[in-house]
Amino acid sequence: MARAGVTVERLTLAAAELADEVGVENVTVAALARHFGVKDASLYFHIKNARDLRVRIALLALAELADRVATALAGRAGKDALVAFANAYRDYARQHPGRYAAMQIDLDPETAMASAGVRHAEMTRAILRGYRLAEPDQTDAVRMMHSTFHGFVSLEKTGGFRHTPRTTDDSWARTLDALDAVLSNWPSR
């Protein structure tokens, strides 16, 4: 039996903190058991396996980011909302690299639909309504925004922008200006 005080919530939070330190791919049941001073087997009372643990990290991260984005978006519209959303996204990825990486895990459809990922999509679509985009353009714009944000933060994390003296903050601001221009002038079919 697991030591008193070990709960799924505490395991998930400890695993998320470990992911931020060592990378989500290095989060193991054994490492977590060492953290709690218990045997590996005792954690299986709370989790199924390492995949289950990583999915729990992903779900925690999606919820945390959704809360941050919702706070950032409050009372904003248009480019101001776009920038607030993007900055909350980038800041989270920088502050929690392991949790951010966990959010990229492919979730099964049922888990994905029950996750805060749905809130992310709703908030993104709310921003796009401010640009007067309807379907199917909204879906294309959601994909473009996510690709832009994810691509930028991923390249930034791996040092992909170190080859030039221009700051990544300057490039990020211009990227958001360009994204606003594209969304404001979405091509008609």
C-alpha atoms as a PDB file:
ATOM      1  CA  MET A   1       0.000   0.000   0.000  1.00  0.00           C
ATOM      2  CA  ALA A   2       1.234   3.495  -0.803  1.00  0.00           C
ATOM      3  CA  ARG A   3       2.461   5.760   1.940  1.00  0.00           C
ATOM      4  CA  ALA A   4      -0.275   7.930   3.451  1.00  0.00           C
ATOM      5  CA  GLY A   5      -0.675  11.208   1.629  1.00  0.00           C
ATOM      6  CA  VAL A   6       0.151   9.867  -1.826  1.00  0.00           C
ATOM      7  CA  THR A   7      -2.789  10.708  -4.060  1.00  0.00           C
ATOM      8  CA  VAL A   8      -3.296  10.846  -7.820  1.00  0.00           C
ATOM      9  CA  GLU A   9      -3.288  14.650  -7.613  1.00  0.00           C
ATOM     10  CA  ARG A  10      -0.002  14.764  -5.683  1.00  0.00           C
ATOM     11  CA  LEU A  11       1.557  12.194  -8.027  1.00  0.00           C
ATOM     12  CA  THR A  12       0.473  14.197 -11.066  1.00  0.00           C
ATOM     13  CA  LEU A  13       1.809  17.473  -9.705  1.00  0.00           C
ATOM     14  CA  ALA A  14       5.111  15.877  -8.682  1.00  0.00           C
ATOM     15  CA  ALA A  15       5.381  14.249 -12.111  1.00  0.00           C
ATOM     16  CA  ALA A  16       4.684  17.610 -13.791  1.00  0.00           C
ATOM     17  CA  GLU A  17       7.394  19.277 -11.707  1.00  0.00           C
ATOM     18  CA  LEU A  18       9.773  16.449 -12.593  1.00  0.00           C
ATOM     19  CA  ALA A  19       8.874  16.814 -16.270  1.00  0.00           C
ATOM     20  CA  ASP A  20       9.793  20.505 -16.116  1.00  0.00           C
ATOM     21  CA  GLU A  21      13.161  19.574 -14.597  1.00  0.00           C
ATOM     22  CA  VAL A  22      14.184  16.538 -16.664  1.00  0.00           C
ATOM     23  CA  GLY A  23      11.777  16.390 -19.607  1.00  0.00           C
ATOM     24  CA  VAL A  24       8.492  14.539 -19.859  1.00  0.00           C
ATOM     25  CA  GLU A  25      10.131  11.625 -21.683  1.00  0.00           C
ATOM     26  CA  ASN A  26      12.266  11.018 -18.572  1.00  0.00           C
ATOM     27  CA  VAL A  27       9.358  10.874 -16.138  1.00  0.00           C
ATOM     28  CA  THR A  28       9.160   7.298 -14.933  1.00  0.00           C
ATOM     29  CA  VAL A  29       7.248   5.473 -12.251  1.00  0.00           C
ATOM     30  CA  ALA A  30      10.585   4.597 -10.616  1.00  0.00           C
ATOM     31  CA  ALA A  31      11.703   8.234 -10.456  1.00  0.00           C
ATOM     32  CA  LEU A  32       8.387   9.256  -8.976  1.00  0.00           C
ATOM     33  CA  ALA A  33       8.508   6.436  -6.429  1.00  0.00           C
ATOM     34  CA  ARG A  34      11.952   7.659  -5.321  1.00  0.00           C
ATOM     35  CA  HIS A  35      10.521  11.161  -4.925  1.00  0.00           C
ATOM     36  CA  PHE A  36       7.824   9.874  -2.574  1.00  0.00           C
ATOM     37  CA  GLY A  37      10.073   7.344  -0.824  1.00  0.00           C
ATOM     38  CA  VAL A  38       7.915   4.383  -1.784  1.00  0.00           C
ATOM     39  CA  LYS A  39       8.323   1.269  -3.891  1.00  0.00           C
ATOM     40  CA  ASP A  40       7.368   1.477  -7.566  1.00  0.00           C
ATOM     41  CA  ALA A  41       4.628  -1.097  -7.104  1.00  0.00           C
ATOM     42  CA  SER A  42       2.807   1.056  -4.556  1.00  0.00           C
ATOM     43  CA  LEU A  43       2.216   3.765  -7.180  1.00  0.00           C
ATOM     44  CA  TYR A  44       0.294   1.362  -9.397  1.00  0.00           C
ATOM     45  CA  PHE A  45      -2.538   1.673  -6.879  1.00  0.00           C
ATOM     46  CA  HIS A  46      -2.965   5.237  -8.224  1.00  0.00           C
ATOM     47  CA  ILE A  47      -1.746   5.055 -11.844  1.00  0.00           C
ATOM     48  CA  LYS A  48      -1.758   2.421 -14.566  1.00  0.00           C
ATOM     49  CA  ASN A  49       1.702   2.967 -16.062  1.00  0.00           C
ATOM     50  CA  ALA A  50       4.126   5.637 -17.282  1.00  0.00           C
ATOM     51  CA  ARG A  51       1.846   6.493 -20.237  1.00  0.00           C
ATOM     52  CA  ASP A  52      -1.052   7.103 -17.850  1.00  0.00           C
ATOM     53  CA  LEU A  53       1.215   9.370 -15.804  1.00  0.00           C
ATOM     54  CA  ARG A  54       2.261  11.365 -18.877  1.00  0.00           C
ATOM     55  CA  VAL A  55      -1.356  11.737 -19.991  1.00  0.00           C
ATOM     56  CA  ARG A  56      -2.192  13.065 -16.526  1.00  0.00           C
ATOM     57  CA  ILE A  57       0.630  15.609 -16.890  1.00  0.00           C
ATOM     58  CA  ALA A  58      -0.794  16.619 -20.276  1.00  0.00           C
ATOM     59  CA  LEU A  59      -4.281  17.070 -18.823  1.00  0.00           C
ATOM     60  CA  LEU A  60      -2.928  19.139 -15.926  1.00  0.00           C
ATOM     61  CA  ALA A  61      -0.939  21.310 -18.334  1.00  0.00           C
ATOM     62  CA  LEU A  62      -3.922  21.835 -20.647  1.00  0.00           C
ATOM     63  CA  ALA A  63      -6.026  22.944 -17.677  1.00  0.00           C
ATOM     64  CA  GLU A  64      -3.316  25.248 -16.309  1.00  0.00           C
ATOM     65  CA  LEU A  65      -2.768  26.867 -19.690  1.00  0.00           C
ATOM     66  CA  ALA A  66      -6.502  27.241 -20.302  1.00  0.00           C
ATOM     67  CA  ASP A  67      -6.828  29.081 -16.998  1.00  0.00           C
ATOM     68  CA  ARG A  68      -3.927  31.396 -17.878  1.00  0.00           C
ATOM     69  CA  VAL A  69      -5.283  32.107 -21.332  1.00  0.00           C
ATOM     70  CA  ALA A  70      -8.789  32.781 -20.004  1.00  0.00           C
ATOM     71  CA  THR A  71      -7.378  35.285 -17.517  1.00  0.00           C
ATOM     72  CA  ALA A  72      -5.261  36.929 -20.227  1.00  0.00           C
ATOM     73  CA  LEU A  73      -8.218  37.193 -22.622  1.00  0.00           C
ATOM     74  CA  ALA A  74     -10.670  38.740 -20.153  1.00  0.00           C
ATOM     75  CA  GLY A  75     -12.061  41.940 -21.662  1.00  0.00           C
ATOM     76  CA  ARG A  76      -9.905  41.811 -24.788  1.00  0.00           C
ATOM     77  CA  ALA A  77     -10.777  41.539 -28.476  1.00  0.00           C
ATOM     78  CA  GLY A  78      -9.093  41.678 -31.861  1.00  0.00           C
ATOM     79  CA  LYS A  79      -5.324  42.008 -31.960  1.00  0.00           C
ATOM     80  CA  ASP A  80      -5.197  42.685 -28.219  1.00  0.00           C
ATOM     81  CA  ALA A  81      -6.825  39.292 -27.573  1.00  0.00           C
ATOM     82  CA  LEU A  82      -4.549  37.574 -30.092  1.00  0.00           C
ATOM     83  CA  VAL A  83      -1.429  38.997 -28.432  1.00  0.00           C
ATOM     84  CA  ALA A  84      -2.686  38.172 -24.922  1.00  0.00           C
ATOM     85  CA  PHE A  85      -3.439  34.587 -25.955  1.00  0.00           C
ATOM     86  CA  ALA A  86      -0.092  34.175 -27.701  1.00  0.00           C
ATOM     87  CA  ASN A  87       1.898  35.641 -24.825  1.00  0.00           C
ATOM     88  CA  ALA A  88       0.152  33.424 -22.265  1.00  0.00           C
ATOM     89  CA  TYR A  89       0.931  30.418 -24.482  1.00  0.00           C
ATOM     90  CA  ARG A  90       4.593  31.344 -24.950  1.00  0.00           C
ATOM     91  CA  ASP A  91       5.117  32.231 -21.294  1.00  0.00           C
ATOM     92  CA  TYR A  92       3.651  28.904 -20.182  1.00  0.00           C
ATOM     93  CA  ALA A  93       5.854  26.971 -22.601  1.00  0.00           C
ATOM     94  CA  ARG A  94       8.930  28.791 -21.300  1.00  0.00           C
ATOM     95  CA  GLN A  95       8.051  28.396 -17.626  1.00  0.00           C
ATOM     96  CA  HIS A  96       6.942  24.764 -17.878  1.00  0.00           C
ATOM     97  CA  PRO A  97       8.856  23.069 -20.707  1.00  0.00           C
ATOM     98  CA  GLY A  98       8.073  19.527 -19.563  1.00  0.00           C
ATOM     99  CA  ARG A  99       4.386  20.199 -19.092  1.00  0.00           C
ATOM    100  CA  TYR A 100       4.281  21.970 -22.443  1.00  0.00           C
ATOM    101  CA  ALA A 101       5.903  18.959 -24.120  1.00  0.00           C
ATOM    102  CA  ALA A 102       3.341  16.703 -22.446  1.00  0.00           C
ATOM    103  CA  MET A 103       0.541  18.732 -24.047  1.00  0.00           C
ATOM    104  CA  GLN A 104       1.766  17.468 -27.418  1.00  0.00           C
ATOM    105  CA  ILE A 105       0.975  13.849 -26.484  1.00  0.00           C
ATOM    106  CA  ASP A 106      -1.657  12.337 -28.759  1.00  0.00           C
ATOM    107  CA  LEU A 107      -4.698  11.794 -26.559  1.00  0.00           C
ATOM    108  CA  ASP A 108      -7.407   9.316 -27.424  1.00  0.00           C
ATOM    109  CA  PRO A 109     -10.564  11.081 -28.688  1.00  0.00           C
ATOM    110  CA  GLU A 110     -12.588  10.540 -25.504  1.00  0.00           C
ATOM    111  CA  THR A 111      -9.832  11.893 -23.251  1.00  0.00           C
ATOM    112  CA  ALA A 112      -9.221  14.821 -25.596  1.00  0.00           C
ATOM    113  CA  MET A 113     -12.918  15.770 -25.627  1.00  0.00           C
ATOM    114  CA  ALA A 114     -13.020  15.695 -21.812  1.00  0.00           C
ATOM    115  CA  SER A 115      -9.857  17.805 -21.491  1.00  0.00           C
ATOM    116  CA  ALA A 116      -9.264  21.538 -21.289  1.00  0.00           C
ATOM    117  CA  GLY A 117      -8.176  21.314 -24.923  1.00  0.00           C
ATOM    118  CA  VAL A 118     -11.828  21.981 -25.743  1.00  0.00           C
ATOM    119  CA  ARG A 119     -11.606  25.274 -23.802  1.00  0.00           C
ATOM    120  CA  HIS A 120      -8.494  26.207 -25.793  1.00  0.00           C
ATOM    121  CA  ALA A 121     -10.349  25.644 -29.045  1.00  0.00           C
ATOM    122  CA  GLU A 122     -13.342  27.665 -27.852  1.00  0.00           C
ATOM    123  CA  MET A 123     -11.142  30.586 -26.783  1.00  0.00           C
ATOM    124  CA  THR A 124      -9.248  30.496 -30.069  1.00  0.00           C
ATOM    125  CA  ARG A 125     -12.486  30.482 -32.034  1.00  0.00           C
ATOM    126  CA  ALA A 126     -13.769  33.400 -29.935  1.00  0.00           C
ATOM    127  CA  ILE A 127     -10.704  35.401 -30.993  1.00  0.00           C
ATOM    128  CA  LEU A 128     -11.314  34.468 -34.620  1.00  0.00           C
ATOM    129  CA  ARG A 129     -14.929  35.604 -34.513  1.00  0.00           C
ATOM    130  CA  GLY A 130     -13.468  39.046 -33.776  1.00  0.00           C
ATOM    131  CA  TYR A 131     -11.770  38.757 -37.165  1.00  0.00           C
ATOM    132  CA  ARG A 132     -15.109  37.750 -38.690  1.00  0.00           C
ATOM    133  CA  LEU A 133     -13.937  34.285 -39.680  1.00  0.00           C
ATOM    134  CA  ALA A 134     -16.507  31.537 -40.046  1.00  0.00           C
ATOM    135  CA  GLU A 135     -16.121  27.872 -40.937  1.00  0.00           C
ATOM    136  CA  PRO A 136     -14.234  26.374 -42.654  1.00  0.00           C
ATOM    137  CA  ASP A 137     -11.840  29.316 -42.437  1.00  0.00           C
ATOM    138  CA  GLN A 138     -11.949  29.234 -38.636  1.00  0.00           C
ATOM    139  CA  THR A 139     -10.560  25.704 -38.554  1.00  0.00           C
ATOM    140  CA  ASP A 140      -7.786  26.662 -40.968  1.00  0.00           C
ATOM    141  CA  ALA A 141      -6.962  29.741 -38.871  1.00  0.00           C
ATOM    142  CA  VAL A 142      -6.938  27.730 -35.613  1.00  0.00           C
ATOM    143  CA  ARG A 143      -4.436  25.340 -37.185  1.00  0.00           C
ATOM    144  CA  MET A 144      -2.319  28.206 -38.498  1.00  0.00           C
ATOM    145  CA  MET A 145      -2.261  29.918 -35.097  1.00  0.00           C
ATOM    146  CA  HIS A 146      -1.316  26.738 -33.243  1.00  0.00           C
ATOM    147  CA  SER A 147       1.361  25.926 -35.813  1.00  0.00           C
ATOM    148  CA  THR A 148       2.799  29.425 -35.526  1.00  0.00           C
ATOM    149  CA  PHE A 149       2.834  29.474 -31.719  1.00  0.00           C
ATOM    150  CA  HIS A 150       4.101  25.911 -31.341  1.00  0.00           C
ATOM    151  CA  GLY A 151       6.712  26.286 -34.057  1.00  0.00           C
ATOM    152  CA  PHE A 152       8.068  29.505 -32.597  1.00  0.00           C
ATOM    153  CA  VAL A 153       8.280  28.297 -28.988  1.00  0.00           C
ATOM    154  CA  SER A 154       9.749  24.949 -30.058  1.00  0.00           C
ATOM    155  CA  LEU A 155      12.472  26.578 -32.159  1.00  0.00           C
ATOM    156  CA  GLU A 156      13.140  29.108 -29.422  1.00  0.00           C
ATOM    157  CA  LYS A 157      13.498  26.322 -26.835  1.00  0.00           C
ATOM    158  CA  THR A 158      15.990  24.371 -28.929  1.00  0.00           C
ATOM    159  CA  GLY A 159      18.105  27.428 -29.760  1.00  0.00           C
ATOM    160  CA  GLY A 160      16.946  27.685 -33.346  1.00  0.00           C
ATOM    161  CA  PHE A 161      17.083  31.481 -33.253  1.00  0.00           C
ATOM    162  CA  ARG A 162      20.530  31.955 -31.694  1.00  0.00           C
ATOM    163  CA  HIS A 163      22.232  32.619 -35.039  1.00  0.00           C
ATOM    164  CA  THR A 164      21.205  36.291 -35.195  1.00  0.00           C
ATOM    165  CA  PRO A 165      21.565  39.234 -32.832  1.00  0.00           C
ATOM    166  CA  ARG A 166      17.874  40.201 -33.144  1.00  0.00           C
ATOM    167  CA  THR A 167      16.039  39.271 -29.960  1.00  0.00           C
ATOM    168  CA  THR A 168      13.391  36.586 -30.040  1.00  0.00           C
ATOM    169  CA  ASP A 169      11.042  39.042 -28.294  1.00  0.00           C
ATOM    170  CA  ASP A 170      11.348  41.400 -31.271  1.00  0.00           C
ATOM    171  CA  SER A 171      10.703  38.569 -33.715  1.00  0.00           C
ATOM    172  CA  TRP A 172       7.768  37.331 -31.620  1.00  0.00           C
ATOM    173  CA  ALA A 173       6.159  40.789 -31.716  1.00  0.00           C
ATOM    174  CA  ARG A 174       6.577  40.986 -35.498  1.00  0.00           C
ATOM    175  CA  THR A 175       5.213  37.461 -35.876  1.00  0.00           C
ATOM    176  CA  LEU A 176       2.087  38.500 -33.982  1.00  0.00           C
ATOM    177  CA  ASP A 177       1.806  41.651 -36.124  1.00  0.00           C
ATOM    178  CA  ALA A 178       1.978  39.480 -39.240  1.00  0.00           C
ATOM    179  CA  LEU A 179      -0.525  36.981 -37.858  1.00  0.00           C
ATOM    180  CA  ASP A 180      -2.928  39.834 -37.069  1.00  0.00           C
ATOM    181  CA  ALA A 181      -2.502  41.148 -40.627  1.00  0.00           C
ATOM    182  CA  VAL A 182      -3.248  37.738 -42.119  1.00  0.00           C
ATOM    183  CA  LEU A 183      -6.307  37.229 -39.919  1.00  0.00           C
ATOM    184  CA  SER A 184      -7.545  40.757 -40.703  1.00  0.00           C
ATOM    185  CA  ASN A 185      -7.148  40.151 -44.448  1.00  0.00           C
ATOM    186  CA  TRP A 186      -8.076  36.487 -44.671  1.00  0.00           C
ATOM    187  CA  PRO A 187      -8.133  35.448 -48.321  1.00  0.00           C
ATOM    188  CA  SER A 188     -11.554  34.773 -49.774  1.00  0.00           C
ATOM    189  CA  ARG A 189     -12.248  31.556 -51.576  1.00  0.00           C
END
